[in-house]
N, C-alpha and C. Protein backbone atom coordinates (compact mmCIF):
# COMPACT_ATOMS: atom_id res chain seq x y z
N MET A 1 -10.29 3.70 -5.57
CA MET A 1 -8.96 4.26 -5.82
C MET A 1 -8.02 3.39 -6.37
N TYR A 2 -8.60 1.97 -6.53
CA TYR A 2 -7.63 0.92 -7.08
C TYR A 2 -7.02 1.33 -8.35
N LEU A 3 -5.74 1.33 -8.47
CA LEU A 3 -4.90 1.86 -9.59
C LEU A 3 -4.75 0.82 -10.63
N GLY A 4 -5.69 0.57 -11.43
CA GLY A 4 -5.55 -0.35 -12.53
C GLY A 4 -4.33 -0.20 -13.42
N ARG A 5 -3.45 -1.20 -13.67
CA ARG A 5 -2.24 -1.13 -14.39
C ARG A 5 -2.55 -0.49 -15.73
N ARG A 6 -3.65 -0.86 -16.44
CA ARG A 6 -3.87 -0.43 -17.86
C ARG A 6 -4.36 0.97 -17.73
N HIS A 7 -4.73 1.62 -16.59
CA HIS A 7 -5.31 2.96 -16.61
C HIS A 7 -4.17 4.06 -16.29
N PHE A 8 -2.85 3.55 -16.01
CA PHE A 8 -1.99 4.55 -15.56
C PHE A 8 -1.61 5.38 -16.88
N LEU A 9 -1.40 4.86 -18.09
CA LEU A 9 -1.15 5.45 -19.34
C LEU A 9 0.10 6.55 -19.13
N GLY A 10 0.89 6.12 -18.49
CA GLY A 10 2.12 7.13 -18.34
C GLY A 10 1.74 8.44 -17.63
N ALA A 11 0.82 8.24 -16.64
CA ALA A 11 0.40 9.34 -15.83
C ALA A 11 1.60 9.84 -15.02
N ILE A 12 2.45 9.09 -14.64
CA ILE A 12 3.60 9.56 -13.86
C ILE A 12 4.81 9.45 -14.56
N ALA A 13 4.80 9.47 -15.81
CA ALA A 13 5.94 9.37 -16.65
C ALA A 13 6.89 10.59 -16.39
N GLY A 14 8.26 10.28 -16.65
CA GLY A 14 8.98 11.48 -16.72
C GLY A 14 10.20 11.38 -15.63
N SER A 15 10.24 12.24 -14.62
CA SER A 15 11.41 12.33 -13.87
C SER A 15 11.03 12.66 -12.44
N ALA A 16 12.13 12.87 -11.57
CA ALA A 16 11.91 13.37 -10.32
C ALA A 16 11.07 14.61 -10.25
N ALA A 17 11.43 15.44 -11.27
CA ALA A 17 10.70 16.84 -11.18
C ALA A 17 9.22 16.63 -11.26
N SER A 18 8.67 15.48 -11.77
CA SER A 18 7.39 15.28 -11.85
C SER A 18 6.61 15.11 -10.50
N LEU A 19 7.51 14.85 -9.44
CA LEU A 19 7.01 14.66 -8.12
C LEU A 19 6.39 16.09 -7.61
N PHE A 20 6.85 17.16 -8.18
CA PHE A 20 6.44 18.47 -7.82
C PHE A 20 5.07 18.74 -8.36
N MET A 21 4.52 17.84 -9.30
CA MET A 21 3.27 18.31 -10.01
C MET A 21 2.31 17.17 -9.77
N PRO A 22 1.96 16.55 -8.59
CA PRO A 22 1.17 15.34 -8.36
C PRO A 22 -0.33 15.62 -8.98
N ARG A 23 -0.80 16.77 -8.94
CA ARG A 23 -2.14 17.09 -9.30
C ARG A 23 -2.25 16.83 -10.85
N ASP A 24 -1.33 17.52 -11.55
CA ASP A 24 -1.36 17.40 -13.12
C ASP A 24 -1.10 15.91 -13.44
N LEU A 25 -0.39 15.19 -12.80
CA LEU A 25 -0.02 13.85 -13.14
C LEU A 25 -1.21 12.93 -12.83
N ALA A 26 -1.93 13.26 -11.74
CA ALA A 26 -3.02 12.35 -11.34
C ALA A 26 -4.27 12.65 -12.47
N GLN A 27 -4.22 13.82 -12.90
CA GLN A 27 -5.43 14.19 -13.73
C GLN A 27 -5.23 13.35 -15.17
N ALA A 28 -4.09 12.91 -15.49
CA ALA A 28 -3.76 12.15 -16.77
C ALA A 28 -4.33 10.85 -16.63
N ILE A 29 -4.69 10.41 -15.50
CA ILE A 29 -5.23 8.99 -15.43
C ILE A 29 -6.55 8.87 -16.02
N ALA A 30 -6.69 7.63 -16.68
CA ALA A 30 -8.05 7.50 -17.36
C ALA A 30 -9.22 7.23 -16.40
N PRO A 31 -10.51 7.42 -16.78
CA PRO A 31 -11.54 6.88 -15.76
C PRO A 31 -11.52 5.60 -15.15
N GLN A 32 -12.17 5.48 -14.01
CA GLN A 32 -12.03 4.24 -13.16
C GLN A 32 -12.79 3.10 -13.96
N PRO A 33 -12.40 1.91 -13.74
CA PRO A 33 -13.12 0.66 -14.16
C PRO A 33 -14.48 0.52 -13.49
N GLU A 34 -15.29 -0.31 -14.03
CA GLU A 34 -16.57 -0.26 -13.44
C GLU A 34 -16.72 -0.84 -12.08
N HIS A 35 -15.76 -1.83 -11.67
CA HIS A 35 -15.84 -2.38 -10.41
C HIS A 35 -15.52 -1.47 -9.17
N LEU A 36 -15.33 -0.17 -9.47
CA LEU A 36 -14.92 0.68 -8.43
C LEU A 36 -16.25 1.10 -7.58
N PRO A 37 -16.21 1.42 -6.32
CA PRO A 37 -17.44 1.79 -5.75
C PRO A 37 -17.62 3.26 -6.22
N ALA A 38 -18.77 3.70 -6.18
CA ALA A 38 -19.29 5.15 -6.55
C ALA A 38 -18.34 6.14 -5.80
N GLY A 39 -17.82 6.96 -6.62
CA GLY A 39 -17.17 8.13 -5.96
C GLY A 39 -15.59 7.77 -5.85
N ALA A 40 -15.23 6.67 -6.03
CA ALA A 40 -13.86 6.29 -5.84
C ALA A 40 -12.99 6.97 -6.84
N ASP A 41 -11.93 7.53 -6.46
CA ASP A 41 -10.99 8.23 -7.45
C ASP A 41 -9.55 8.02 -7.34
N ARG A 42 -9.06 7.14 -8.20
CA ARG A 42 -7.62 6.72 -8.02
C ARG A 42 -6.70 7.93 -8.16
N SER A 43 -7.21 9.07 -8.77
CA SER A 43 -6.21 10.19 -8.99
C SER A 43 -5.95 10.85 -7.70
N VAL A 44 -6.89 10.87 -6.70
CA VAL A 44 -6.66 11.40 -5.39
C VAL A 44 -5.68 10.57 -4.73
N LEU A 45 -5.75 9.26 -4.73
CA LEU A 45 -4.80 8.43 -3.92
C LEU A 45 -3.29 8.64 -4.59
N LEU A 46 -3.22 8.68 -5.82
CA LEU A 46 -1.84 8.83 -6.48
C LEU A 46 -1.32 10.16 -6.11
N SER A 47 -2.19 11.31 -6.09
CA SER A 47 -1.70 12.56 -5.84
C SER A 47 -1.22 12.63 -4.46
N ARG A 48 -2.01 12.01 -3.58
CA ARG A 48 -1.44 11.96 -2.08
C ARG A 48 -0.35 11.20 -1.84
N ALA A 49 -0.10 10.10 -2.54
CA ALA A 49 1.21 9.40 -2.44
C ALA A 49 2.20 10.23 -2.94
N LEU A 50 2.13 10.97 -4.16
CA LEU A 50 3.33 11.68 -4.71
C LEU A 50 3.51 12.91 -3.79
N ALA A 51 2.50 13.56 -3.27
CA ALA A 51 2.78 14.58 -2.29
C ALA A 51 3.41 14.19 -1.08
N ALA A 52 3.22 12.89 -0.57
CA ALA A 52 4.02 12.41 0.62
C ALA A 52 5.32 12.21 0.33
N LEU A 53 5.41 11.64 -0.88
CA LEU A 53 6.91 11.54 -1.32
C LEU A 53 7.73 12.78 -1.36
N GLN A 54 7.17 13.76 -1.76
CA GLN A 54 7.73 15.12 -1.90
C GLN A 54 7.79 15.65 -0.32
N GLN A 55 6.76 15.61 0.56
CA GLN A 55 6.93 16.00 1.81
C GLN A 55 7.92 15.30 2.70
N HIS A 56 8.26 14.20 2.32
CA HIS A 56 9.19 13.37 3.26
C HIS A 56 10.49 13.24 2.49
N HIS A 57 10.77 14.05 1.58
CA HIS A 57 11.93 13.70 0.73
C HIS A 57 13.24 13.68 1.53
N ASP A 58 13.37 14.33 2.75
CA ASP A 58 14.54 14.41 3.45
C ASP A 58 14.73 13.00 4.16
N ARG A 59 13.61 12.27 4.17
CA ARG A 59 13.64 10.97 4.92
C ARG A 59 13.66 9.78 3.91
N VAL A 60 13.05 9.95 2.86
CA VAL A 60 13.03 8.80 1.67
C VAL A 60 14.19 8.99 0.75
N ALA A 61 15.22 8.23 0.92
CA ALA A 61 16.41 8.31 0.26
C ALA A 61 16.25 7.83 -1.29
N SER A 62 15.40 6.87 -1.39
CA SER A 62 15.18 6.16 -2.74
C SER A 62 13.84 6.47 -3.42
N ARG A 63 13.61 7.27 -4.40
CA ARG A 63 12.35 7.76 -4.89
C ARG A 63 11.94 7.13 -6.13
N ASP A 64 12.61 6.14 -6.52
CA ASP A 64 12.41 5.47 -7.88
C ASP A 64 11.14 4.62 -7.83
N VAL A 65 10.94 3.92 -6.74
CA VAL A 65 9.69 2.98 -6.56
C VAL A 65 8.99 3.25 -5.25
N ILE A 66 7.62 3.38 -5.42
CA ILE A 66 6.95 3.54 -4.27
C ILE A 66 5.87 2.40 -4.17
N GLY A 67 5.44 2.24 -2.96
CA GLY A 67 4.24 1.19 -2.72
C GLY A 67 2.95 2.06 -2.38
N ILE A 68 1.85 1.61 -2.99
CA ILE A 68 0.52 2.36 -2.62
C ILE A 68 -0.41 1.24 -2.28
N VAL A 69 -1.04 1.36 -1.08
CA VAL A 69 -2.14 0.41 -0.58
C VAL A 69 -3.54 1.33 -0.54
N ASP A 70 -4.51 0.88 -1.12
CA ASP A 70 -5.77 1.36 -1.28
C ASP A 70 -6.73 0.78 -0.15
N PHE A 71 -6.91 1.28 1.10
CA PHE A 71 -7.75 0.64 1.94
C PHE A 71 -9.16 0.94 1.83
N SER A 72 -9.55 1.69 0.65
CA SER A 72 -10.97 1.87 0.34
C SER A 72 -11.41 0.67 -0.47
N ALA A 73 -10.59 -0.03 -0.96
CA ALA A 73 -10.94 -1.41 -1.85
C ALA A 73 -11.00 -2.42 -0.94
N PRO A 74 -11.91 -3.46 -1.40
CA PRO A 74 -11.95 -4.66 -0.54
C PRO A 74 -10.79 -5.57 -0.57
N SER A 75 -10.56 -6.47 0.37
CA SER A 75 -9.38 -7.25 0.41
C SER A 75 -9.31 -8.21 -0.67
N ARG A 76 -10.42 -8.61 -1.33
CA ARG A 76 -10.40 -9.49 -2.46
C ARG A 76 -9.67 -9.01 -3.73
N LEU A 77 -9.47 -7.55 -3.81
CA LEU A 77 -8.87 -7.14 -4.85
C LEU A 77 -7.37 -6.76 -4.51
N PRO A 78 -6.42 -6.84 -5.72
CA PRO A 78 -5.06 -6.59 -5.53
C PRO A 78 -4.86 -5.07 -5.30
N ARG A 79 -4.99 -4.71 -4.07
CA ARG A 79 -5.08 -3.30 -3.77
C ARG A 79 -3.63 -2.69 -3.20
N PHE A 80 -2.61 -3.37 -3.31
CA PHE A 80 -1.31 -2.99 -2.98
C PHE A 80 -0.48 -3.09 -4.33
N GLN A 81 -0.16 -1.75 -4.76
CA GLN A 81 0.66 -1.91 -5.98
C GLN A 81 2.08 -1.01 -5.77
N LEU A 82 2.92 -1.65 -6.59
CA LEU A 82 4.27 -1.02 -6.65
C LEU A 82 4.28 -0.25 -7.91
N VAL A 83 4.81 1.03 -7.74
CA VAL A 83 4.79 2.01 -8.72
C VAL A 83 6.20 2.35 -9.11
N ASP A 84 6.61 2.36 -10.38
CA ASP A 84 7.88 2.85 -10.94
C ASP A 84 7.63 4.37 -11.20
N VAL A 85 7.99 5.25 -10.31
CA VAL A 85 7.74 6.66 -10.47
C VAL A 85 8.40 7.20 -11.74
N ALA A 86 9.58 6.87 -11.95
CA ALA A 86 10.43 7.39 -13.12
C ALA A 86 9.83 6.97 -14.39
N ALA A 87 9.49 5.48 -14.46
CA ALA A 87 9.07 5.09 -15.81
C ALA A 87 7.44 5.33 -15.95
N GLY A 88 6.82 5.79 -14.86
CA GLY A 88 5.53 6.13 -14.89
C GLY A 88 4.69 4.95 -15.23
N LYS A 89 4.87 3.81 -14.39
CA LYS A 89 3.97 2.57 -14.68
C LYS A 89 3.87 1.83 -13.40
N VAL A 90 2.78 0.97 -13.32
CA VAL A 90 2.70 0.18 -12.25
C VAL A 90 3.41 -1.12 -12.50
N ILE A 91 4.36 -1.45 -11.63
CA ILE A 91 5.23 -2.59 -11.67
C ILE A 91 4.42 -3.93 -11.48
N SER A 92 3.66 -3.88 -10.47
CA SER A 92 2.96 -5.11 -10.13
C SER A 92 1.87 -4.73 -9.08
N ASP A 93 0.82 -5.73 -8.94
CA ASP A 93 -0.15 -5.39 -7.92
C ASP A 93 -0.33 -6.64 -7.16
N HIS A 94 -0.81 -6.46 -5.79
CA HIS A 94 -0.99 -7.72 -4.82
C HIS A 94 -2.06 -7.60 -3.97
N LEU A 95 -2.46 -8.70 -3.52
CA LEU A 95 -3.37 -8.86 -2.41
C LEU A 95 -2.64 -8.47 -1.18
N VAL A 96 -3.33 -7.79 -0.35
CA VAL A 96 -2.80 -7.51 0.96
C VAL A 96 -3.81 -7.37 1.99
N ALA A 97 -3.54 -8.02 3.32
CA ALA A 97 -4.51 -8.04 4.29
C ALA A 97 -4.52 -6.62 5.14
N HIS A 98 -5.61 -6.41 5.84
CA HIS A 98 -5.71 -5.36 6.66
C HIS A 98 -5.92 -5.99 8.09
N GLY A 99 -5.76 -5.20 8.94
CA GLY A 99 -5.82 -5.60 10.36
C GLY A 99 -7.19 -6.07 11.03
N SER A 100 -7.40 -6.98 11.83
CA SER A 100 -8.62 -7.42 12.40
C SER A 100 -9.35 -6.45 12.99
N GLY A 101 -8.59 -5.56 13.67
CA GLY A 101 -9.17 -4.39 14.27
C GLY A 101 -9.90 -3.33 13.48
N SER A 102 -9.41 -3.37 12.27
CA SER A 102 -9.99 -2.37 11.11
C SER A 102 -11.27 -3.02 10.55
N ASP A 103 -11.48 -4.35 10.80
CA ASP A 103 -12.72 -5.08 10.25
C ASP A 103 -13.15 -6.16 11.12
N PRO A 104 -13.80 -5.71 12.23
CA PRO A 104 -14.16 -6.61 13.42
C PRO A 104 -15.17 -7.77 12.81
N GLY A 105 -15.92 -7.26 11.82
CA GLY A 105 -16.95 -8.22 11.34
C GLY A 105 -16.44 -9.16 10.26
N ASN A 106 -15.07 -9.09 9.89
CA ASN A 106 -14.47 -9.85 8.86
C ASN A 106 -15.24 -9.74 7.55
N SER A 107 -15.58 -8.46 7.16
CA SER A 107 -16.33 -8.23 5.97
C SER A 107 -15.66 -8.12 4.68
N GLY A 108 -14.15 -8.00 4.84
CA GLY A 108 -13.26 -7.76 3.72
C GLY A 108 -13.10 -6.28 3.52
N TRP A 109 -13.68 -5.42 4.18
CA TRP A 109 -13.63 -4.07 4.14
C TRP A 109 -12.98 -3.42 5.22
N VAL A 110 -12.20 -2.37 5.16
CA VAL A 110 -11.68 -1.64 6.23
C VAL A 110 -12.74 -0.61 6.71
N GLN A 111 -13.13 -0.88 8.00
CA GLN A 111 -14.13 0.09 8.66
C GLN A 111 -13.45 1.24 9.41
N ARG A 112 -12.23 0.94 9.98
CA ARG A 112 -11.56 2.03 10.76
C ARG A 112 -10.12 1.82 10.71
N LEU A 113 -9.33 2.80 10.96
CA LEU A 113 -7.92 2.79 11.11
C LEU A 113 -7.54 3.24 12.36
N SER A 114 -6.40 2.78 12.98
CA SER A 114 -5.96 3.24 14.25
C SER A 114 -4.39 3.10 14.40
N ASN A 115 -3.88 4.06 15.14
CA ASN A 115 -2.55 4.07 15.49
C ASN A 115 -2.26 3.52 16.91
N ARG A 116 -3.33 3.04 17.43
CA ARG A 116 -3.21 2.71 19.11
C ARG A 116 -2.72 1.45 19.16
N PRO A 117 -1.68 1.16 20.19
CA PRO A 117 -1.03 -0.14 20.32
C PRO A 117 -2.14 -0.99 20.85
N GLY A 118 -2.17 -2.37 20.56
CA GLY A 118 -3.15 -3.22 20.88
C GLY A 118 -4.54 -3.30 20.20
N SER A 119 -4.58 -2.12 19.19
CA SER A 119 -5.89 -2.18 18.45
C SER A 119 -5.95 -3.16 17.35
N ASN A 120 -4.84 -3.85 16.92
CA ASN A 120 -4.78 -4.80 15.81
C ASN A 120 -5.36 -4.22 14.48
N ALA A 121 -5.29 -3.09 14.42
CA ALA A 121 -5.95 -2.26 13.31
C ALA A 121 -4.84 -1.85 12.36
N SER A 122 -5.18 -1.66 11.02
CA SER A 122 -4.24 -1.15 10.15
C SER A 122 -4.10 0.52 10.43
N CYS A 123 -3.10 1.02 9.99
CA CYS A 123 -3.01 2.56 10.08
C CYS A 123 -2.56 3.01 8.84
N SER A 124 -2.98 4.33 8.62
CA SER A 124 -2.76 4.95 7.09
C SER A 124 -1.41 5.84 7.26
N GLY A 125 -1.23 6.45 6.15
CA GLY A 125 -0.26 7.50 6.04
C GLY A 125 1.09 6.95 5.27
N ALA A 126 2.20 7.80 5.44
CA ALA A 126 3.39 7.42 4.86
C ALA A 126 4.39 6.66 5.79
N PHE A 127 4.89 5.62 5.21
CA PHE A 127 5.82 4.71 5.85
C PHE A 127 7.22 4.59 5.20
N LEU A 128 8.22 4.54 5.94
CA LEU A 128 9.55 4.47 5.32
C LEU A 128 9.87 3.07 5.54
N THR A 129 10.33 2.30 4.30
CA THR A 129 10.86 0.95 4.51
C THR A 129 12.10 0.83 5.05
N GLY A 130 12.33 -0.09 6.04
CA GLY A 130 13.65 -0.26 6.67
C GLY A 130 14.10 -1.67 6.21
N GLU A 131 14.91 -2.33 7.16
CA GLU A 131 15.74 -3.45 6.86
C GLU A 131 14.92 -4.77 6.82
N ILE A 132 15.46 -5.70 6.12
CA ILE A 132 14.76 -7.15 6.01
C ILE A 132 15.22 -7.85 7.40
N TYR A 133 14.40 -8.66 7.92
CA TYR A 133 14.64 -9.51 9.13
C TYR A 133 13.86 -10.82 8.94
N SER A 134 14.32 -11.81 9.73
CA SER A 134 13.69 -13.07 9.62
C SER A 134 13.00 -13.23 10.95
N GLY A 135 11.61 -13.35 10.91
CA GLY A 135 10.72 -13.46 12.07
C GLY A 135 9.81 -14.67 12.13
N LYS A 136 8.81 -14.69 12.76
CA LYS A 136 7.77 -15.89 12.82
C LYS A 136 7.16 -15.98 11.59
N HIS A 137 6.99 -14.98 10.76
CA HIS A 137 6.38 -14.99 9.35
C HIS A 137 7.39 -15.13 8.21
N GLY A 138 8.62 -15.37 8.63
CA GLY A 138 9.67 -15.48 7.63
C GLY A 138 10.31 -14.27 7.43
N ARG A 139 10.71 -13.96 6.13
CA ARG A 139 11.48 -12.88 5.65
C ARG A 139 10.40 -11.61 5.70
N SER A 140 10.74 -10.51 6.40
CA SER A 140 9.80 -9.45 6.59
C SER A 140 10.56 -8.22 6.41
N ARG A 141 9.85 -7.07 6.21
CA ARG A 141 10.48 -5.79 6.07
C ARG A 141 9.93 -4.78 7.20
N ARG A 142 10.89 -4.24 7.86
CA ARG A 142 10.35 -3.29 8.97
C ARG A 142 9.80 -1.97 8.31
N LEU A 143 9.08 -1.33 8.98
CA LEU A 143 8.45 -0.05 8.63
C LEU A 143 8.45 0.91 9.77
N GLN A 144 8.72 2.24 9.35
CA GLN A 144 8.73 3.24 10.28
C GLN A 144 7.61 4.25 9.81
N GLY A 145 6.65 4.59 10.69
CA GLY A 145 5.58 5.67 10.35
C GLY A 145 6.21 7.09 10.31
N LEU A 146 5.88 7.79 9.32
CA LEU A 146 6.44 9.21 9.11
C LEU A 146 5.32 10.17 9.53
N ASP A 147 4.11 9.86 9.61
CA ASP A 147 3.05 10.72 10.01
C ASP A 147 2.43 10.54 11.43
N THR A 148 1.52 11.64 11.68
CA THR A 148 1.06 11.46 13.24
C THR A 148 0.15 10.22 13.22
N GLU A 149 -0.61 9.82 12.11
CA GLU A 149 -1.49 8.65 12.22
C GLU A 149 -0.84 7.30 12.17
N ASN A 150 0.46 7.23 12.03
CA ASN A 150 1.03 5.94 12.07
C ASN A 150 2.41 6.11 12.77
N SER A 151 2.57 6.96 13.70
CA SER A 151 3.71 7.30 14.51
C SER A 151 4.16 6.11 15.36
N MET A 152 3.24 5.13 15.72
CA MET A 152 3.44 4.06 16.47
C MET A 152 3.72 2.71 15.83
N ALA A 153 3.76 2.88 14.37
CA ALA A 153 3.92 1.65 13.56
C ALA A 153 5.03 0.75 13.90
N SER A 154 6.18 1.38 14.23
CA SER A 154 7.46 0.60 14.51
C SER A 154 7.19 -0.07 15.83
N SER A 155 6.76 0.63 16.87
CA SER A 155 6.69 0.16 18.17
C SER A 155 5.62 -0.90 18.24
N ARG A 156 4.64 -0.97 17.30
CA ARG A 156 3.51 -1.87 17.28
C ARG A 156 3.99 -3.09 16.36
N GLY A 157 5.19 -3.00 15.78
CA GLY A 157 5.57 -4.13 15.01
C GLY A 157 4.84 -4.28 13.69
N ILE A 158 4.49 -3.12 13.10
CA ILE A 158 3.84 -3.14 11.79
C ILE A 158 4.90 -3.31 10.74
N VAL A 159 4.81 -4.38 9.90
CA VAL A 159 5.70 -4.68 8.89
C VAL A 159 5.18 -5.24 7.70
N ILE A 160 5.97 -5.52 6.76
CA ILE A 160 5.50 -6.21 5.53
C ILE A 160 6.04 -7.74 5.65
N HIS A 161 4.92 -8.66 5.68
CA HIS A 161 5.32 -10.03 5.69
C HIS A 161 4.38 -10.99 5.00
N ALA A 162 4.58 -12.19 4.77
CA ALA A 162 3.89 -13.04 4.06
C ALA A 162 2.98 -13.88 5.04
N ALA A 163 1.72 -14.30 4.55
CA ALA A 163 0.87 -15.01 5.54
C ALA A 163 0.07 -15.99 4.43
N ARG A 164 -0.19 -17.17 5.11
CA ARG A 164 -1.04 -18.20 4.47
C ARG A 164 -2.46 -17.82 4.25
N TYR A 165 -2.98 -16.80 4.92
CA TYR A 165 -4.43 -16.44 4.91
C TYR A 165 -4.51 -15.35 3.70
N VAL A 166 -3.36 -15.01 3.03
CA VAL A 166 -3.45 -14.05 1.90
C VAL A 166 -3.08 -14.91 0.58
N ALA A 167 -4.22 -15.22 -0.14
CA ALA A 167 -3.94 -16.07 -1.46
C ALA A 167 -5.05 -15.82 -2.40
N PRO A 168 -4.75 -15.87 -3.74
CA PRO A 168 -5.86 -15.63 -4.68
C PRO A 168 -7.02 -16.57 -4.71
N ASP A 169 -6.85 -17.80 -4.16
CA ASP A 169 -7.90 -18.85 -4.09
C ASP A 169 -8.84 -18.44 -2.92
N LEU A 170 -8.24 -17.89 -1.92
CA LEU A 170 -9.05 -17.58 -0.76
C LEU A 170 -9.95 -16.18 -1.14
N ALA A 171 -9.23 -15.27 -1.80
CA ALA A 171 -9.95 -14.06 -2.17
C ALA A 171 -11.10 -14.33 -3.06
N GLU A 172 -10.93 -15.56 -4.11
CA GLU A 172 -12.11 -15.98 -4.86
C GLU A 172 -13.06 -16.81 -4.17
N SER A 173 -12.70 -17.73 -3.35
CA SER A 173 -13.76 -18.52 -2.81
C SER A 173 -14.40 -17.81 -1.56
N GLN A 174 -13.76 -16.96 -0.83
CA GLN A 174 -14.42 -16.29 0.28
C GLN A 174 -14.82 -14.93 0.01
N GLY A 175 -14.37 -14.41 -1.16
CA GLY A 175 -14.74 -13.04 -1.35
C GLY A 175 -13.82 -12.04 -0.43
N ARG A 176 -12.74 -12.59 0.16
CA ARG A 176 -11.97 -11.64 1.06
C ARG A 176 -10.81 -12.70 1.28
N VAL A 177 -9.61 -11.91 1.82
CA VAL A 177 -8.45 -12.65 2.27
C VAL A 177 -8.55 -12.62 3.93
N GLY A 178 -7.69 -13.27 4.58
CA GLY A 178 -7.72 -13.18 6.04
C GLY A 178 -7.18 -11.77 6.58
N ARG A 179 -7.25 -11.75 7.85
CA ARG A 179 -6.82 -10.36 8.54
C ARG A 179 -5.50 -10.59 9.29
N SER A 180 -4.76 -9.46 9.30
CA SER A 180 -3.58 -9.43 10.19
C SER A 180 -3.91 -8.72 11.49
N GLN A 181 -2.77 -8.45 12.23
CA GLN A 181 -2.85 -7.87 13.45
C GLN A 181 -2.38 -6.33 13.21
N GLY A 182 -2.51 -5.99 12.04
CA GLY A 182 -2.24 -4.53 11.60
C GLY A 182 -1.15 -4.49 10.52
N CYS A 183 -0.35 -5.58 10.29
CA CYS A 183 0.55 -5.67 9.31
C CYS A 183 0.13 -5.64 7.79
N PHE A 184 1.06 -5.18 6.98
CA PHE A 184 0.77 -5.40 5.57
C PHE A 184 1.09 -6.79 5.04
N ALA A 185 0.27 -7.69 5.34
CA ALA A 185 0.42 -9.26 5.01
C ALA A 185 0.08 -9.45 3.51
N VAL A 186 1.08 -10.13 2.72
CA VAL A 186 0.84 -10.40 1.34
C VAL A 186 1.04 -11.88 1.09
N SER A 187 0.81 -12.55 -0.02
CA SER A 187 0.91 -13.98 -0.22
C SER A 187 2.41 -14.50 -0.24
N ALA A 188 2.51 -15.76 0.01
CA ALA A 188 3.79 -16.20 0.15
C ALA A 188 4.53 -16.19 -1.27
N ASP A 189 3.69 -16.22 -2.30
CA ASP A 189 4.06 -16.23 -3.55
C ASP A 189 4.64 -14.74 -4.02
N ASP A 190 4.20 -13.84 -3.36
CA ASP A 190 4.47 -12.36 -3.70
C ASP A 190 5.59 -11.80 -2.81
N ILE A 191 5.82 -12.42 -1.61
CA ILE A 191 6.69 -11.54 -0.61
C ILE A 191 8.16 -11.33 -1.21
N SER A 192 8.72 -12.38 -1.87
CA SER A 192 10.01 -12.04 -2.38
C SER A 192 10.12 -10.88 -3.30
N HIS A 193 9.13 -10.88 -4.14
CA HIS A 193 9.17 -9.72 -5.21
C HIS A 193 8.97 -8.39 -4.57
N VAL A 194 7.94 -8.32 -3.56
CA VAL A 194 7.61 -7.11 -2.84
C VAL A 194 8.83 -6.59 -2.15
N LEU A 195 9.54 -7.52 -1.37
CA LEU A 195 10.65 -7.09 -0.51
C LEU A 195 11.83 -6.68 -1.36
N GLU A 196 11.99 -7.26 -2.64
CA GLU A 196 13.11 -6.89 -3.55
C GLU A 196 12.72 -5.52 -4.08
N ARG A 197 11.60 -5.24 -4.56
CA ARG A 197 11.33 -4.08 -5.35
C ARG A 197 11.08 -2.93 -4.39
N LEU A 198 10.46 -3.04 -3.33
CA LEU A 198 10.21 -2.00 -2.43
C LEU A 198 11.31 -2.12 -1.32
N GLY A 199 12.53 -1.86 -1.66
CA GLY A 199 13.60 -2.00 -0.96
C GLY A 199 13.73 -0.98 0.26
N PRO A 200 14.79 -0.96 1.06
CA PRO A 200 14.97 0.05 2.12
C PRO A 200 15.01 1.45 1.66
N GLY A 201 14.68 2.39 2.53
CA GLY A 201 14.66 3.78 2.22
C GLY A 201 13.59 4.12 1.05
N ARG A 202 12.62 3.46 0.99
CA ARG A 202 11.54 3.91 0.08
C ARG A 202 10.25 4.13 0.70
N LEU A 203 9.19 4.76 -0.03
CA LEU A 203 7.92 5.05 0.49
C LEU A 203 6.94 4.05 0.31
N LEU A 204 6.17 3.61 1.49
CA LEU A 204 4.91 2.90 1.26
C LEU A 204 3.74 3.87 1.80
N PHE A 205 2.82 4.07 1.00
CA PHE A 205 1.74 5.01 1.28
C PHE A 205 0.30 4.26 1.38
N ALA A 206 -0.30 4.30 2.50
CA ALA A 206 -1.53 3.74 2.82
C ALA A 206 -2.65 4.68 2.98
N ALA A 207 -3.94 4.51 2.37
CA ALA A 207 -5.08 5.48 2.76
C ALA A 207 -6.26 4.80 2.43
N ARG A 208 -7.41 5.45 2.90
CA ARG A 208 -8.70 4.91 2.75
C ARG A 208 -9.54 6.06 2.19
């Protein structure tokens, strides 16, 4: 379900009205690149993200840009993408860590997702982006879970932050990046861009 930038082809071009037609938009996306695992379908992920944007329209004040994380892809790939809904294009793509509890064997693949406190696992669903704060990982953005499967995200401290264990050289040399405690950890080089473009009141959608 990795949304290659060159495969968007204006699939979500148009307007806010397009959010009411996620299936039609998703079907416009070209076939998957060869590196995708068998059966992977990026149109399903895009459709689900757009449906979540519509479902939570009363909570998501800014609908111009959304973030999509594909937990079916390995961590060595840039599986966190920022999407300009109005322009119908991928703005940027980024490496992102998953939680150690989601991948106990450190394989680079998400094995399970959990909403349970103390699980150190990633959780899926729709998240509302909140304020920026400065913590132990530097500038970070708070997240609030909007679905049953991520309702504990805020109390678990699930946020977007930078981490030294997420970097292209690690992805290349180890075939994976490091693991977080459930947070969406990106590289230090990417954090400023991600925090700026995925500002407060926007949707982050994660699924496997």
